[in-house]
């Protein structure tokens, strides 16, 4: 892929350094578009993410199909990217079938508070599972969380999160912890309801090549787990949620297989 169409998560190791940005101050969201020529879409793009999903304005699309997720264990690392904590897979951790296409799961990361909102309500956290198609297309599965009991996936990496925070505080470089084989099958669907829209990555360069699928069921996460996900991050990125962006005429579609 060309660097212009790539997000930092998908850039090869020998590529130029990602765009330096923050969630506050001189490099905050309202400045992202001017940080680099590569991030211009952050300010001028008309298909930006995240968005506020207003339930009474979504359109039911009966042509949509259930999301099929077939994940499997894969070697992974826990990465402190400075602006989020991510699980990065050595290879594909399985596939998600959406819109009749196969997308390989290549990475997942967390935001807190949530980036997407439902009827204007911002929740405790949001997990993004980043998938890549053979043709370079990207789809992200978003899962929203409210505060409650502990999330089993975050629980699985709790000790590694604590270690990551210690390494991050002791070093000027971003830390990486080997997870060994990480089983993503725990992310099995608990709902067949989702919202779908065309958007962008929610961090610079804000590339507009992403199809978003936001699950309709909210999961729970503990306050301690959210604190652990924030601990390794740069000071200006502790609250790593980009403000919601205008729809600019976009339609948010709904598939509700739970009915």
Protein backbone atom coordinates (compact mmCIF):
# COMPACT_ATOMS: atom_id res chain seq x y z
CA UNK A 1 0.00 0.00 0.00
CA UNK A 2 1.05 3.60 -0.49
CA UNK A 3 1.85 5.55 2.64
CA UNK A 4 -0.88 8.06 1.79
CA UNK A 5 -3.54 5.41 2.23
CA UNK A 6 -2.05 3.70 5.25
CA UNK A 7 -2.83 4.13 8.88
CA UNK A 8 0.03 3.82 11.42
CA UNK A 9 -1.27 0.39 12.48
CA UNK A 10 -0.72 -0.93 8.98
CA UNK A 11 2.56 0.78 8.06
CA UNK A 12 5.55 -1.55 7.56
CA UNK A 13 8.25 -1.35 10.23
CA UNK A 14 10.73 0.43 7.94
CA UNK A 15 8.29 3.19 6.94
CA UNK A 16 8.62 6.82 8.11
CA UNK A 17 7.60 7.66 11.65
CA UNK A 18 3.82 8.06 12.17
CA UNK A 19 2.38 11.55 12.57
CA UNK A 20 2.90 12.90 16.08
CA UNK A 21 -0.42 13.96 17.58
CA UNK A 22 -2.24 14.30 20.86
CA UNK A 23 -5.77 14.62 22.21
CA UNK A 24 -5.20 18.03 23.80
CA UNK A 25 -3.08 21.15 23.37
CA UNK A 26 -1.19 22.27 20.28
CA UNK A 27 -1.41 18.83 18.65
CA UNK A 28 -5.01 18.13 19.66
CA UNK A 29 -7.86 17.00 17.36
CA UNK A 30 -8.67 20.48 16.02
CA UNK A 31 -5.04 20.76 14.83
CA UNK A 32 -4.61 17.29 13.31
CA UNK A 33 -5.23 18.44 9.75
CA UNK A 34 -2.26 20.81 9.85
CA UNK A 35 0.27 18.50 11.53
CA UNK A 36 1.39 16.93 8.26
CA UNK A 37 0.47 16.96 4.56
CA UNK A 38 -0.55 13.33 5.10
CA UNK A 39 -3.18 14.28 7.69
CA UNK A 40 -5.06 16.89 5.65
CA UNK A 41 -8.21 14.74 5.55
CA UNK A 42 -8.54 15.13 9.32
CA UNK A 43 -9.79 18.67 8.69
CA UNK A 44 -11.18 18.66 5.13
CA UNK A 45 -12.53 15.11 4.80
CA UNK A 46 -16.30 14.68 4.57
CA UNK A 47 -16.37 11.02 5.68
CA UNK A 48 -14.70 11.33 9.06
CA UNK A 49 -15.08 9.17 12.17
CA UNK A 50 -16.27 8.78 14.87
CA UNK A 51 -19.91 9.83 14.69
CA UNK A 52 -22.94 10.09 16.92
CA UNK A 53 -25.38 7.30 16.03
CA UNK A 54 -28.92 8.65 16.45
CA UNK A 55 -31.19 5.63 16.62
CA UNK A 56 -34.31 7.21 15.14
CA UNK A 57 -32.33 8.36 12.09
CA UNK A 58 -30.70 5.05 11.15
CA UNK A 59 -32.04 3.17 8.13
CA UNK A 60 -32.80 -0.55 8.31
CA UNK A 61 -31.12 -2.28 5.37
CA UNK A 62 -32.68 -5.69 4.77
CA UNK A 63 -29.95 -6.52 2.26
CA UNK A 64 -27.28 -6.57 4.96
CA UNK A 65 -26.15 -9.94 6.31
CA UNK A 66 -24.92 -11.12 9.71
CA UNK A 67 -21.27 -10.50 10.48
CA UNK A 68 -19.43 -13.82 10.49
CA UNK A 69 -16.33 -13.88 12.68
CA UNK A 70 -13.99 -16.84 12.55
CA UNK A 71 -11.06 -15.93 14.78
CA UNK A 72 -8.31 -18.26 15.94
CA UNK A 73 -5.25 -18.12 18.26
CA UNK A 74 -2.27 -16.22 16.86
CA UNK A 75 1.08 -14.96 18.14
CA UNK A 76 0.67 -11.38 19.35
CA UNK A 77 2.32 -8.50 21.17
CA UNK A 78 0.83 -5.90 23.49
CA UNK A 79 1.96 -2.51 22.23
CA UNK A 80 2.04 0.91 23.83
CA UNK A 81 1.63 3.20 20.82
CA UNK A 82 1.65 6.28 23.03
CA UNK A 83 -1.87 7.18 21.93
CA UNK A 84 -3.46 3.77 22.63
CA UNK A 85 -2.77 0.23 23.81
CA UNK A 86 -3.05 -2.41 21.09
CA UNK A 87 -2.84 -6.14 20.55
CA UNK A 88 -0.94 -6.63 17.29
CA UNK A 89 -0.90 -10.02 15.59
CA UNK A 90 2.12 -11.54 13.85
CA UNK A 91 -0.17 -12.88 11.13
CA UNK A 92 -3.90 -13.01 10.56
CA UNK A 93 -5.88 -13.92 13.67
CA UNK A 94 -8.77 -15.10 11.56
CA UNK A 95 -11.38 -13.44 9.41
CA UNK A 96 -14.56 -11.44 9.57
CA UNK A 97 -16.94 -11.81 6.65
CA UNK A 98 -18.80 -8.56 6.00
CA UNK A 99 -20.59 -7.37 2.87
CA UNK A 100 -19.64 -10.65 1.21
CA UNK A 101 -15.89 -10.07 1.64
CA UNK A 102 -13.25 -11.70 3.83
CA UNK A 103 -11.26 -9.37 6.06
CA UNK A 104 -8.27 -10.56 8.12
CA UNK A 105 -8.02 -9.45 11.75
CA UNK A 106 -4.64 -7.73 12.10
CA UNK A 107 -4.91 -5.62 15.26
CA UNK A 108 -7.20 -4.42 18.02
CA UNK A 109 -6.94 -1.41 20.32
CA UNK A 110 -8.89 0.51 22.94
CA UNK A 111 -10.16 4.06 23.38
CA UNK A 112 -11.50 5.55 26.61
CA UNK A 113 -13.96 7.14 26.80
CA UNK A 114 -15.80 5.79 23.77
CA UNK A 115 -15.36 7.53 20.43
CA UNK A 116 -18.73 6.67 18.91
CA UNK A 117 -21.79 7.84 20.77
CA UNK A 118 -25.32 6.49 20.82
CA UNK A 119 -28.00 9.19 20.94
CA UNK A 120 -25.37 11.62 22.17
CA UNK A 121 -24.23 9.40 25.05
CA UNK A 122 -20.50 8.76 25.41
CA UNK A 123 -19.71 5.46 27.13
CA UNK A 124 -16.77 4.23 29.22
CA UNK A 125 -14.64 2.68 26.48
CA UNK A 126 -14.54 1.34 22.94
CA UNK A 127 -12.63 -1.54 21.36
CA UNK A 128 -11.67 -1.39 17.68
CA UNK A 129 -10.90 -4.63 15.85
CA UNK A 130 -9.06 -3.65 12.66
CA UNK A 131 -9.52 -5.92 9.64
CA UNK A 132 -7.84 -5.73 6.24
CA UNK A 133 -9.10 -7.12 2.93
CA UNK A 134 -6.93 -8.58 0.17
CA UNK A 135 -7.68 -5.50 -1.94
CA UNK A 136 -6.46 -3.11 0.75
CA UNK A 137 -9.92 -2.19 1.99
CA UNK A 138 -10.37 -1.77 5.74
CA UNK A 139 -13.26 -2.57 8.02
CA UNK A 140 -13.28 -1.87 11.74
CA UNK A 141 -15.57 -3.59 14.21
CA UNK A 142 -16.38 -1.27 17.11
CA UNK A 143 -17.54 -2.58 20.48
CA UNK A 144 -18.82 -0.14 23.10
CA UNK A 145 -18.43 -0.65 26.86
CA UNK A 146 -20.18 0.69 29.92
CA UNK A 147 -18.80 0.47 33.45
CA UNK A 148 -19.69 -2.77 35.22
CA UNK A 149 -18.12 -6.17 35.70
CA UNK A 150 -14.68 -6.93 34.29
CA UNK A 151 -14.22 -7.68 30.59
CA UNK A 152 -12.72 -11.18 30.08
CA UNK A 153 -10.46 -10.12 27.20
CA UNK A 154 -8.88 -7.25 29.15
CA UNK A 155 -8.63 -9.55 32.18
CA UNK A 156 -6.57 -11.92 30.07
CA UNK A 157 -3.91 -9.25 29.49
CA UNK A 158 -4.12 -7.53 32.90
CA UNK A 159 -0.64 -8.59 34.08
CA UNK A 160 0.86 -7.63 30.73
CA UNK A 161 -0.86 -4.23 30.93
CA UNK A 162 0.70 -3.60 34.34
CA UNK A 163 4.12 -4.59 32.98
CA UNK A 164 3.59 -2.38 29.93
CA UNK A 165 2.86 0.63 32.15
CA UNK A 166 6.05 0.05 34.16
CA UNK A 167 8.16 -0.23 31.02
CA UNK A 168 6.52 2.84 29.50
CA UNK A 169 7.28 4.95 32.57
CA UNK A 170 10.92 3.78 32.61
CA UNK A 171 11.61 4.45 28.94
CA UNK A 172 11.24 7.25 26.41
CA UNK A 173 10.36 4.71 23.73
CA UNK A 174 7.09 2.85 23.37
CA UNK A 175 7.04 -0.51 25.11
CA UNK A 176 6.08 -3.88 23.66
CA UNK A 177 5.20 -7.03 25.61
CA UNK A 178 5.14 -10.49 24.03
CA UNK A 179 1.78 -12.17 24.68
CA UNK A 180 2.65 -15.50 23.10
CA UNK A 181 -0.38 -17.08 21.50
CA UNK A 182 -3.42 -14.86 22.02
CA UNK A 183 -6.87 -16.35 21.54
CA UNK A 184 -9.35 -13.84 20.15
CA UNK A 185 -12.18 -16.38 20.06
CA UNK A 186 -13.36 -14.83 23.34
CA UNK A 187 -14.65 -12.00 21.18
CA UNK A 188 -17.47 -14.21 19.94
CA UNK A 189 -20.58 -12.25 19.04
CA UNK A 190 -23.25 -11.81 21.70
CA UNK A 191 -25.51 -9.97 19.27
CA UNK A 192 -26.38 -9.98 15.58
CA UNK A 193 -27.29 -6.30 15.63
CA UNK A 194 -24.91 -3.73 14.18
CA UNK A 195 -24.75 -0.25 12.69
CA UNK A 196 -22.82 0.27 9.45
CA UNK A 197 -21.47 3.42 7.80
CA UNK A 198 -18.60 4.64 5.62
CA UNK A 199 -15.94 6.58 7.47
CA UNK A 200 -12.29 7.01 8.31
CA UNK A 201 -9.65 6.06 10.81
CA UNK A 202 -10.28 8.10 13.94
CA UNK A 203 -6.60 9.01 14.34
CA UNK A 204 -4.22 10.74 11.90
CA UNK A 205 -3.92 10.53 8.95
CA UNK A 206 -7.74 10.03 9.19
CA UNK A 207 -7.75 8.07 5.91
CA UNK A 208 -11.28 7.69 4.49
CA UNK A 209 -11.17 4.05 3.43
CA UNK A 210 -12.90 2.44 6.41
CA UNK A 211 -16.24 0.66 6.60
CA UNK A 212 -17.41 0.76 10.21
CA UNK A 213 -19.54 -1.87 11.92
CA UNK A 214 -20.59 -0.87 15.45
CA UNK A 215 -22.14 -3.68 17.48
CA UNK A 216 -25.57 -2.91 18.86
CA UNK A 217 -24.98 -4.57 22.23
CA UNK A 218 -22.86 -2.79 24.84
CA UNK A 219 -20.40 -4.90 26.85
CA UNK A 220 -19.11 -4.13 30.33
CA UNK A 221 -15.65 -3.21 31.61
CA UNK A 222 -14.45 -2.39 35.12
CA UNK A 223 -13.07 0.98 36.18
CA UNK A 224 -9.81 -0.70 37.14
CA UNK A 225 -9.46 -2.14 33.65
CA UNK A 226 -10.00 1.25 32.02
CA UNK A 227 -7.38 2.72 34.35
CA UNK A 228 -4.95 -0.04 33.31
CA UNK A 229 -5.57 0.69 29.61
CA UNK A 230 -4.83 4.38 30.18
CA UNK A 231 -1.74 3.91 32.38
CA UNK A 232 0.91 3.37 29.64
CA UNK A 233 -0.28 6.25 27.44
CA UNK A 234 1.29 9.65 26.89
CA UNK A 235 -0.07 12.32 29.22
CA UNK A 236 -1.99 14.10 26.46
CA UNK A 237 -3.53 10.82 25.28
CA UNK A 238 -5.01 9.43 28.49
CA UNK A 239 -8.49 10.37 27.25
CA UNK A 240 -8.00 9.14 23.70
CA UNK A 241 -11.38 9.79 22.10
CA UNK A 242 -11.66 12.02 19.05
CA UNK A 243 -14.75 14.28 19.10
CA UNK A 244 -17.65 13.12 16.94
CA UNK A 245 -17.60 14.32 13.34
CA UNK A 246 -20.40 15.63 11.07
CA UNK A 247 -22.32 13.07 9.04
CA UNK A 248 -22.29 15.30 5.96
CA UNK A 249 -25.25 13.47 4.46
CA UNK A 250 -24.05 9.97 5.24
CA UNK A 251 -26.61 7.30 6.05
CA UNK A 252 -26.09 4.99 9.02
CA UNK A 253 -27.54 1.57 8.22
CA UNK A 254 -28.87 -0.95 10.72
CA UNK A 255 -28.89 -4.72 10.60
CA UNK A 256 -30.93 -6.25 13.41
CA UNK A 257 -30.75 -10.02 13.34
CA UNK A 258 -31.77 -10.17 17.00
CA UNK A 259 -35.39 -9.40 16.17
